[in-house]
Amino acid sequence: MVTVSFNIPEEVKNAFNNMFDVRNQNIIISDLMKRAVEEENLKRQRVQAVDALLALRGTIPPITEQEFRNARHENRP
């Protein structure tokens, strides 16, 4: 285990201490940090996915509305 030091507003510290006074605050902070890392990873993956789709979009030739409609109806009963 390591010790981490952060500067936070006094009102946030007081609200946290009041809310979680009987629980292990180290575990709560650790879980929040893990969640923040996971959320940031998901955010970065989404950005990469959107960028990849946009790049792919530029390489596909456009089709007409009729071609689109025909493709939707192909192989439908």
PDB file of N, CA and C in Angstrom:
ATOM      1  N   MET A   1       0.833  -1.179   0.000  1.00  0.00           N
ATOM      2  CA  MET A   1       0.000   0.000   0.000  1.00  0.00           C
ATOM      3  C   MET A   1       0.883   1.248   0.000  1.00  0.00           C
ATOM      4  N   VAL A   2       0.360   2.270  -0.653  1.00  0.00           N
ATOM      5  CA  VAL A   2       1.048   3.553  -0.668  1.00  0.00           C
ATOM      6  C   VAL A   2       0.105   4.607  -0.116  1.00  0.00           C
ATOM      7  N   THR A   3       0.672   5.728   0.275  1.00  0.00           N
ATOM      8  CA  THR A   3      -0.118   6.859   0.752  1.00  0.00           C
ATOM      9  C   THR A   3      -0.165   7.896  -0.347  1.00  0.00           C
ATOM     10  N   VAL A   4      -1.371   8.408  -0.609  1.00  0.00           N
ATOM     11  CA  VAL A   4      -1.574   9.423  -1.629  1.00  0.00           C
ATOM     12  C   VAL A   4      -2.152  10.648  -0.944  1.00  0.00           C
ATOM     13  N   SER A   5      -1.699  11.802  -1.348  1.00  0.00           N
ATOM     14  CA  SER A   5      -2.173  13.041  -0.745  1.00  0.00           C
ATOM     15  C   SER A   5      -2.819  13.919  -1.821  1.00  0.00           C
ATOM     16  N   PHE A   6      -4.050  14.382  -1.533  1.00  0.00           N
ATOM     17  CA  PHE A   6      -4.767  15.266  -2.446  1.00  0.00           C
ATOM     18  C   PHE A   6      -5.266  16.485  -1.694  1.00  0.00           C
ATOM     19  N   ASN A   7      -5.327  17.586  -2.385  1.00  0.00           N
ATOM     20  CA  ASN A   7      -5.953  18.776  -1.833  1.00  0.00           C
ATOM     21  C   ASN A   7      -7.394  18.822  -2.317  1.00  0.00           C
ATOM     22  N   ILE A   8      -8.320  18.869  -1.377  1.00  0.00           N
ATOM     23  CA  ILE A   8      -9.739  18.936  -1.719  1.00  0.00           C
ATOM     24  C   ILE A   8     -10.384  20.042  -0.899  1.00  0.00           C
ATOM     25  N   PRO A   9     -11.512  20.558  -1.395  1.00  0.00           N
ATOM     26  CA  PRO A   9     -12.205  21.594  -0.618  1.00  0.00           C
ATOM     27  C   PRO A   9     -12.644  21.063   0.756  1.00  0.00           C
ATOM     28  N   GLU A  10     -12.604  21.913   1.732  1.00  0.00           N
ATOM     29  CA  GLU A  10     -12.967  21.541   3.105  1.00  0.00           C
ATOM     30  C   GLU A  10     -14.379  20.968   3.192  1.00  0.00           C
ATOM     31  N   GLU A  11     -15.323  21.568   2.421  1.00  0.00           N
ATOM     32  CA  GLU A  11     -16.711  21.094   2.482  1.00  0.00           C
ATOM     33  C   GLU A  11     -16.851  19.674   1.918  1.00  0.00           C
ATOM     34  N   VAL A  12     -16.024  19.329   0.927  1.00  0.00           N
ATOM     35  CA  VAL A  12     -16.047  17.972   0.374  1.00  0.00           C
ATOM     36  C   VAL A  12     -15.511  16.992   1.419  1.00  0.00           C
ATOM     37  N   LYS A  13     -14.433  17.356   2.057  1.00  0.00           N
ATOM     38  CA  LYS A  13     -13.852  16.510   3.113  1.00  0.00           C
ATOM     39  C   LYS A  13     -14.857  16.284   4.229  1.00  0.00           C
ATOM     40  N   ASN A  14     -15.506  17.349   4.670  1.00  0.00           N
ATOM     41  CA  ASN A  14     -16.470  17.224   5.763  1.00  0.00           C
ATOM     42  C   ASN A  14     -17.671  16.369   5.355  1.00  0.00           C
ATOM     43  N   ALA A  15     -18.176  16.578   4.150  1.00  0.00           N
ATOM     44  CA  ALA A  15     -19.317  15.785   3.677  1.00  0.00           C
ATOM     45  C   ALA A  15     -18.935  14.312   3.569  1.00  0.00           C
ATOM     46  N   PHE A  16     -17.742  14.032   3.058  1.00  0.00           N
ATOM     47  CA  PHE A  16     -17.267  12.651   2.938  1.00  0.00           C
ATOM     48  C   PHE A  16     -17.140  12.006   4.310  1.00  0.00           C
ATOM     49  N   ASN A  17     -16.518  12.719   5.242  1.00  0.00           N
ATOM     50  CA  ASN A  17     -16.335  12.169   6.583  1.00  0.00           C
ATOM     51  C   ASN A  17     -17.667  11.934   7.279  1.00  0.00           C
ATOM     52  N   ASN A  18     -18.626  12.828   7.085  1.00  0.00           N
ATOM     53  CA  ASN A  18     -19.949  12.653   7.691  1.00  0.00           C
ATOM     54  C   ASN A  18     -20.686  11.471   7.073  1.00  0.00           C
ATOM     55  N   MET A  19     -20.583  11.320   5.766  1.00  0.00           N
ATOM     56  CA  MET A  19     -21.305  10.250   5.073  1.00  0.00           C
ATOM     57  C   MET A  19     -20.706   8.873   5.367  1.00  0.00           C
ATOM     58  N   PHE A  20     -19.396   8.794   5.446  1.00  0.00           N
ATOM     59  CA  PHE A  20     -18.715   7.508   5.555  1.00  0.00           C
ATOM     60  C   PHE A  20     -17.920   7.389   6.859  1.00  0.00           C
ATOM     61  N   ASP A  21     -18.443   7.933   7.926  1.00  0.00           N
ATOM     62  CA  ASP A  21     -17.684   7.962   9.178  1.00  0.00           C
ATOM     63  C   ASP A  21     -17.458   6.592   9.796  1.00  0.00           C
ATOM     64  N   VAL A  22     -18.347   5.633   9.519  1.00  0.00           N
ATOM     65  CA  VAL A  22     -18.194   4.314  10.148  1.00  0.00           C
ATOM     66  C   VAL A  22     -17.643   3.265   9.181  1.00  0.00           C
ATOM     67  N   ARG A  23     -17.326   3.668   7.966  1.00  0.00           N
ATOM     68  CA  ARG A  23     -16.806   2.713   6.978  1.00  0.00           C
ATOM     69  C   ARG A  23     -15.316   2.963   6.765  1.00  0.00           C
ATOM     70  N   ASN A  24     -14.661   1.977   6.155  1.00  0.00           N
ATOM     71  CA  ASN A  24     -13.240   2.102   5.858  1.00  0.00           C
ATOM     72  C   ASN A  24     -13.080   3.068   4.683  1.00  0.00           C
ATOM     73  N   GLN A  25     -12.695   4.285   4.981  1.00  0.00           N
ATOM     74  CA  GLN A  25     -12.599   5.331   3.960  1.00  0.00           C
ATOM     75  C   GLN A  25     -11.491   5.050   2.950  1.00  0.00           C
ATOM     76  N   ASN A  26     -10.464   4.330   3.342  1.00  0.00           N
ATOM     77  CA  ASN A  26      -9.406   3.974   2.395  1.00  0.00           C
ATOM     78  C   ASN A  26      -9.949   3.086   1.279  1.00  0.00           C
ATOM     79  N   ILE A  27     -10.808   2.141   1.631  1.00  0.00           N
ATOM     80  CA  ILE A  27     -11.401   1.259   0.630  1.00  0.00           C
ATOM     81  C   ILE A  27     -12.319   2.049  -0.291  1.00  0.00           C
ATOM     82  N   ILE A  28     -13.091   2.968   0.263  1.00  0.00           N
ATOM     83  CA  ILE A  28     -14.002   3.779  -0.545  1.00  0.00           C
ATOM     84  C   ILE A  28     -13.222   4.615  -1.548  1.00  0.00           C
ATOM     85  N   ILE A  29     -12.177   5.275  -1.092  1.00  0.00           N
ATOM     86  CA  ILE A  29     -11.359   6.105  -1.990  1.00  0.00           C
ATOM     87  C   ILE A  29     -10.689   5.235  -3.049  1.00  0.00           C
ATOM     88  N   SER A  30     -10.178   4.081  -2.646  1.00  0.00           N
ATOM     89  CA  SER A  30      -9.545   3.174  -3.598  1.00  0.00           C
ATOM     90  C   SER A  30     -10.541   2.728  -4.664  1.00  0.00           C
ATOM     91  N   ASP A  31     -11.762   2.372  -4.252  1.00  0.00           N
ATOM     92  CA  ASP A  31     -12.791   1.960  -5.211  1.00  0.00           C
ATOM     93  C   ASP A  31     -13.159   3.096  -6.160  1.00  0.00           C
ATOM     94  N   LEU A  32     -13.253   4.311  -5.635  1.00  0.00           N
ATOM     95  CA  LEU A  32     -13.559   5.469  -6.484  1.00  0.00           C
ATOM     96  C   LEU A  32     -12.453   5.714  -7.507  1.00  0.00           C
ATOM     97  N   MET A  33     -11.217   5.544  -7.088  1.00  0.00           N
ATOM     98  CA  MET A  33     -10.101   5.731  -8.018  1.00  0.00           C
ATOM     99  C   MET A  33     -10.117   4.649  -9.098  1.00  0.00           C
ATOM    100  N   LYS A  34     -10.397   3.394  -8.710  1.00  0.00           N
ATOM    101  CA  LYS A  34     -10.495   2.317  -9.700  1.00  0.00           C
ATOM    102  C   LYS A  34     -11.595   2.620 -10.707  1.00  0.00           C
ATOM    103  N   ARG A  35     -12.742   3.074 -10.206  1.00  0.00           N
ATOM    104  CA  ARG A  35     -13.866   3.393 -11.085  1.00  0.00           C
ATOM    105  C   ARG A  35     -13.509   4.531 -12.040  1.00  0.00           C
ATOM    106  N   ALA A  36     -12.793   5.521 -11.546  1.00  0.00           N
ATOM    107  CA  ALA A  36     -12.389   6.642 -12.399  1.00  0.00           C
ATOM    108  C   ALA A  36     -11.450   6.168 -13.509  1.00  0.00           C
ATOM    109  N   VAL A  37     -10.541   5.248 -13.188  1.00  0.00           N
ATOM    110  CA  VAL A  37      -9.627   4.696 -14.193  1.00  0.00           C
ATOM    111  C   VAL A  37     -10.401   3.906 -15.234  1.00  0.00           C
ATOM    112  N   GLU A  38     -11.351   3.078 -14.785  1.00  0.00           N
ATOM    113  CA  GLU A  38     -12.160   2.291 -15.715  1.00  0.00           C
ATOM    114  C   GLU A  38     -12.988   3.191 -16.634  1.00  0.00           C
ATOM    115  N   GLU A  39     -13.597   4.234 -16.070  1.00  0.00           N
ATOM    116  CA  GLU A  39     -14.400   5.157 -16.873  1.00  0.00           C
ATOM    117  C   GLU A  39     -13.548   5.893 -17.903  1.00  0.00           C
ATOM    118  N   GLU A  40     -12.360   6.288 -17.509  1.00  0.00           N
ATOM    119  CA  GLU A  40     -11.468   6.978 -18.444  1.00  0.00           C
ATOM    120  C   GLU A  40     -11.035   6.038 -19.559  1.00  0.00           C
ATOM    121  N   ASN A  41     -10.758   4.776 -19.233  1.00  0.00           N
ATOM    122  CA  ASN A  41     -10.411   3.798 -20.266  1.00  0.00           C
ATOM    123  C   ASN A  41     -11.557   3.609 -21.250  1.00  0.00           C
ATOM    124  N   LEU A  42     -12.782   3.490 -20.745  1.00  0.00           N
ATOM    125  CA  LEU A  42     -13.949   3.362 -21.625  1.00  0.00           C
ATOM    126  C   LEU A  42     -14.111   4.587 -22.511  1.00  0.00           C
ATOM    127  N   LYS A  43     -13.912   5.748 -21.928  1.00  0.00           N
ATOM    128  CA  LYS A  43     -14.023   6.993 -22.695  1.00  0.00           C
ATOM    129  C   LYS A  43     -13.001   7.017 -23.833  1.00  0.00           C
ATOM    130  N   ARG A  44     -11.787   6.626 -23.541  1.00  0.00           N
ATOM    131  CA  ARG A  44     -10.742   6.602 -24.577  1.00  0.00           C
ATOM    132  C   ARG A  44     -11.051   5.571 -25.657  1.00  0.00           C
ATOM    133  N   GLN A  45     -11.578   4.408 -25.241  1.00  0.00           N
ATOM    134  CA  GLN A  45     -11.953   3.385 -26.224  1.00  0.00           C
ATOM    135  C   GLN A  45     -13.071   3.887 -27.128  1.00  0.00           C
ATOM    136  N   ARG A  46     -14.035   4.599 -26.562  1.00  0.00           N
ATOM    137  CA  ARG A  46     -15.127   5.144 -27.371  1.00  0.00           C
ATOM    138  C   ARG A  46     -14.609   6.159 -28.381  1.00  0.00           C
ATOM    139  N   VAL A  47     -13.701   7.009 -27.934  1.00  0.00           N
ATOM    140  CA  VAL A  47     -13.120   8.011 -28.839  1.00  0.00           C
ATOM    141  C   VAL A  47     -12.390   7.313 -29.979  1.00  0.00           C
ATOM    142  N   GLN A  48     -11.617   6.284 -29.665  1.00  0.00           N
ATOM    143  CA  GLN A  48     -10.901   5.544 -30.708  1.00  0.00           C
ATOM    144  C   GLN A  48     -11.872   4.869 -31.666  1.00  0.00           C
ATOM    145  N   ALA A  49     -12.962   4.315 -31.138  1.00  0.00           N
ATOM    146  CA  ALA A  49     -13.946   3.641 -31.991  1.00  0.00           C
ATOM    147  C   ALA A  49     -14.618   4.645 -32.930  1.00  0.00           C
ATOM    148  N   VAL A  50     -14.989   5.791 -32.407  1.00  0.00           N
ATOM    149  CA  VAL A  50     -15.610   6.817 -33.242  1.00  0.00           C
ATOM    150  C   VAL A  50     -14.634   7.298 -34.300  1.00  0.00           C
ATOM    151  N   ASP A  51     -13.394   7.537 -33.908  1.00  0.00           N
ATOM    152  CA  ASP A  51     -12.381   7.970 -34.883  1.00  0.00           C
ATOM    153  C   ASP A  51     -12.196   6.927 -35.985  1.00  0.00           C
ATOM    154  N   ALA A  52     -12.184   5.646 -35.599  1.00  0.00           N
ATOM    155  CA  ALA A  52     -12.025   4.576 -36.594  1.00  0.00           C
ATOM    156  C   ALA A  52     -13.218   4.540 -37.542  1.00  0.00           C
ATOM    157  N   LEU A  53     -14.425   4.697 -37.004  1.00  0.00           N
ATOM    158  CA  LEU A  53     -15.616   4.713 -37.855  1.00  0.00           C
ATOM    159  C   LEU A  53     -15.616   5.909 -38.805  1.00  0.00           C
ATOM    160  N   LEU A  54     -15.212   7.054 -38.292  1.00  0.00           N
ATOM    161  CA  LEU A  54     -15.165   8.243 -39.147  1.00  0.00           C
ATOM    162  C   LEU A  54     -14.112   8.090 -40.242  1.00  0.00           C
ATOM    163  N   ALA A  55     -12.988   7.484 -39.913  1.00  0.00           N
ATOM    164  CA  ALA A  55     -11.956   7.252 -40.929  1.00  0.00           C
ATOM    165  C   ALA A  55     -12.454   6.265 -41.973  1.00  0.00           C
ATOM    166  N   LEU A  56     -13.137   5.225 -41.532  1.00  0.00           N
ATOM    167  CA  LEU A  56     -13.687   4.234 -42.455  1.00  0.00           C
ATOM    168  C   LEU A  56     -14.757   4.852 -43.342  1.00  0.00           C
ATOM    169  N   ARG A  57     -15.540   5.725 -42.754  1.00  0.00           N
ATOM    170  CA  ARG A  57     -16.614   6.378 -43.505  1.00  0.00           C
ATOM    171  C   ARG A  57     -16.073   7.130 -44.714  1.00  0.00           C
ATOM    172  N   GLY A  58     -14.915   7.710 -44.569  1.00  0.00           N
ATOM    173  CA  GLY A  58     -14.316   8.453 -45.670  1.00  0.00           C
ATOM    174  C   GLY A  58     -13.811   7.586 -46.801  1.00  0.00           C
ATOM    175  N   THR A  59     -13.667   6.285 -46.566  1.00  0.00           N
ATOM    176  CA  THR A  59     -13.132   5.390 -47.599  1.00  0.00           C
ATOM    177  C   THR A  59     -14.224   4.636 -48.349  1.00  0.00           C
ATOM    178  N   ILE A  60     -15.453   4.705 -47.865  1.00  0.00           N
ATOM    179  CA  ILE A  60     -16.555   3.977 -48.495  1.00  0.00           C
ATOM    180  C   ILE A  60     -17.278   4.915 -49.463  1.00  0.00           C
ATOM    181  N   PRO A  61     -17.451   4.480 -50.703  1.00  0.00           N
ATOM    182  CA  PRO A  61     -18.129   5.360 -51.661  1.00  0.00           C
ATOM    183  C   PRO A  61     -19.602   5.546 -51.268  1.00  0.00           C
ATOM    184  N   PRO A  62     -20.131   6.736 -51.463  1.00  0.00           N
ATOM    185  CA  PRO A  62     -21.532   6.992 -51.117  1.00  0.00           C
ATOM    186  C   PRO A  62     -22.472   6.206 -52.035  1.00  0.00           C
ATOM    187  N   ILE A  63     -23.674   5.921 -51.516  1.00  0.00           N
ATOM    188  CA  ILE A  63     -24.687   5.250 -52.328  1.00  0.00           C
ATOM    189  C   ILE A  63     -25.922   6.142 -52.397  1.00  0.00           C
ATOM    190  N   THR A  64     -26.750   5.871 -53.371  1.00  0.00           N
ATOM    191  CA  THR A  64     -27.982   6.653 -53.513  1.00  0.00           C
ATOM    192  C   THR A  64     -29.009   6.160 -52.504  1.00  0.00           C
ATOM    193  N   GLU A  65     -30.042   6.960 -52.329  1.00  0.00           N
ATOM    194  CA  GLU A  65     -31.122   6.561 -51.439  1.00  0.00           C
ATOM    195  C   GLU A  65     -31.798   5.287 -51.935  1.00  0.00           C
ATOM    196  N   GLN A  66     -31.945   5.176 -53.255  1.00  0.00           N
ATOM    197  CA  GLN A  66     -32.568   3.974 -53.811  1.00  0.00           C
ATOM    198  C   GLN A  66     -31.717   2.735 -53.558  1.00  0.00           C
ATOM    199  N   GLU A  67     -30.403   2.863 -53.687  1.00  0.00           N
ATOM    200  CA  GLU A  67     -29.517   1.726 -53.402  1.00  0.00           C
ATOM    201  C   GLU A  67     -29.633   1.322 -51.924  1.00  0.00           C
ATOM    202  N   PHE A  68     -29.760   2.299 -51.072  1.00  0.00           N
ATOM    203  CA  PHE A  68     -29.923   2.034 -49.644  1.00  0.00           C
ATOM    204  C   PHE A  68     -31.230   1.284 -49.384  1.00  0.00           C
ATOM    205  N   ARG A  69     -32.313   1.760 -49.977  1.00  0.00           N
ATOM    206  CA  ARG A  69     -33.620   1.103 -49.817  1.00  0.00           C
ATOM    207  C   ARG A  69     -33.591  -0.330 -50.357  1.00  0.00           C
ATOM    208  N   ASN A  70     -32.965  -0.514 -51.512  1.00  0.00           N
ATOM    209  CA  ASN A  70     -32.855  -1.851 -52.092  1.00  0.00           C
ATOM    210  C   ASN A  70     -32.081  -2.792 -51.166  1.00  0.00           C
ATOM    211  N   ALA A  71     -31.008  -2.299 -50.596  1.00  0.00           N
ATOM    212  CA  ALA A  71     -30.193  -3.119 -49.695  1.00  0.00           C
ATOM    213  C   ALA A  71     -30.993  -3.512 -48.453  1.00  0.00           C
ATOM    214  N   ARG A  72     -31.840  -2.623 -47.966  1.00  0.00           N
ATOM    215  CA  ARG A  72     -32.660  -2.931 -46.789  1.00  0.00           C
ATOM    216  C   ARG A  72     -33.674  -4.023 -47.083  1.00  0.00           C
ATOM    217  N   HIS A  73     -34.158  -4.077 -48.308  1.00  0.00           N
ATOM    218  CA  HIS A  73     -35.218  -5.020 -48.656  1.00  0.00           C
ATOM    219  C   HIS A  73     -34.718  -6.344 -49.238  1.00  0.00           C
ATOM    220  N   GLU A  74     -33.445  -6.431 -49.552  1.00  0.00           N
ATOM    221  CA  GLU A  74     -32.891  -7.679 -50.070  1.00  0.00           C
ATOM    222  C   GLU A  74     -32.989  -8.774 -49.014  1.00  0.00           C
ATOM    223  N   ASN A  75     -33.337  -9.952 -49.446  1.00  0.00           N
ATOM    224  CA  ASN A  75     -33.397 -11.142 -48.592  1.00  0.00           C
ATOM    225  C   ASN A  75     -34.406 -11.037 -47.458  1.00  0.00           C
ATOM    226  N   ARG A  76     -35.383 -10.144 -47.578  1.00  0.00           N
ATOM    227  CA  ARG A  76     -36.468 -10.093 -46.604  1.00  0.00           C
ATOM    228  C   ARG A  76     -37.640 -10.896 -47.129  1.00  0.00           C
ATOM    229  N   PRO A  77     -38.353 -11.570 -46.253  1.00  0.00           N
ATOM    230  CA  PRO A  77     -39.518 -12.349 -46.725  1.00  0.00           C
ATOM    231  C   PRO A  77     -40.643 -11.446 -47.209  1.00  0.00           C
TER     232      PRO A  77
END
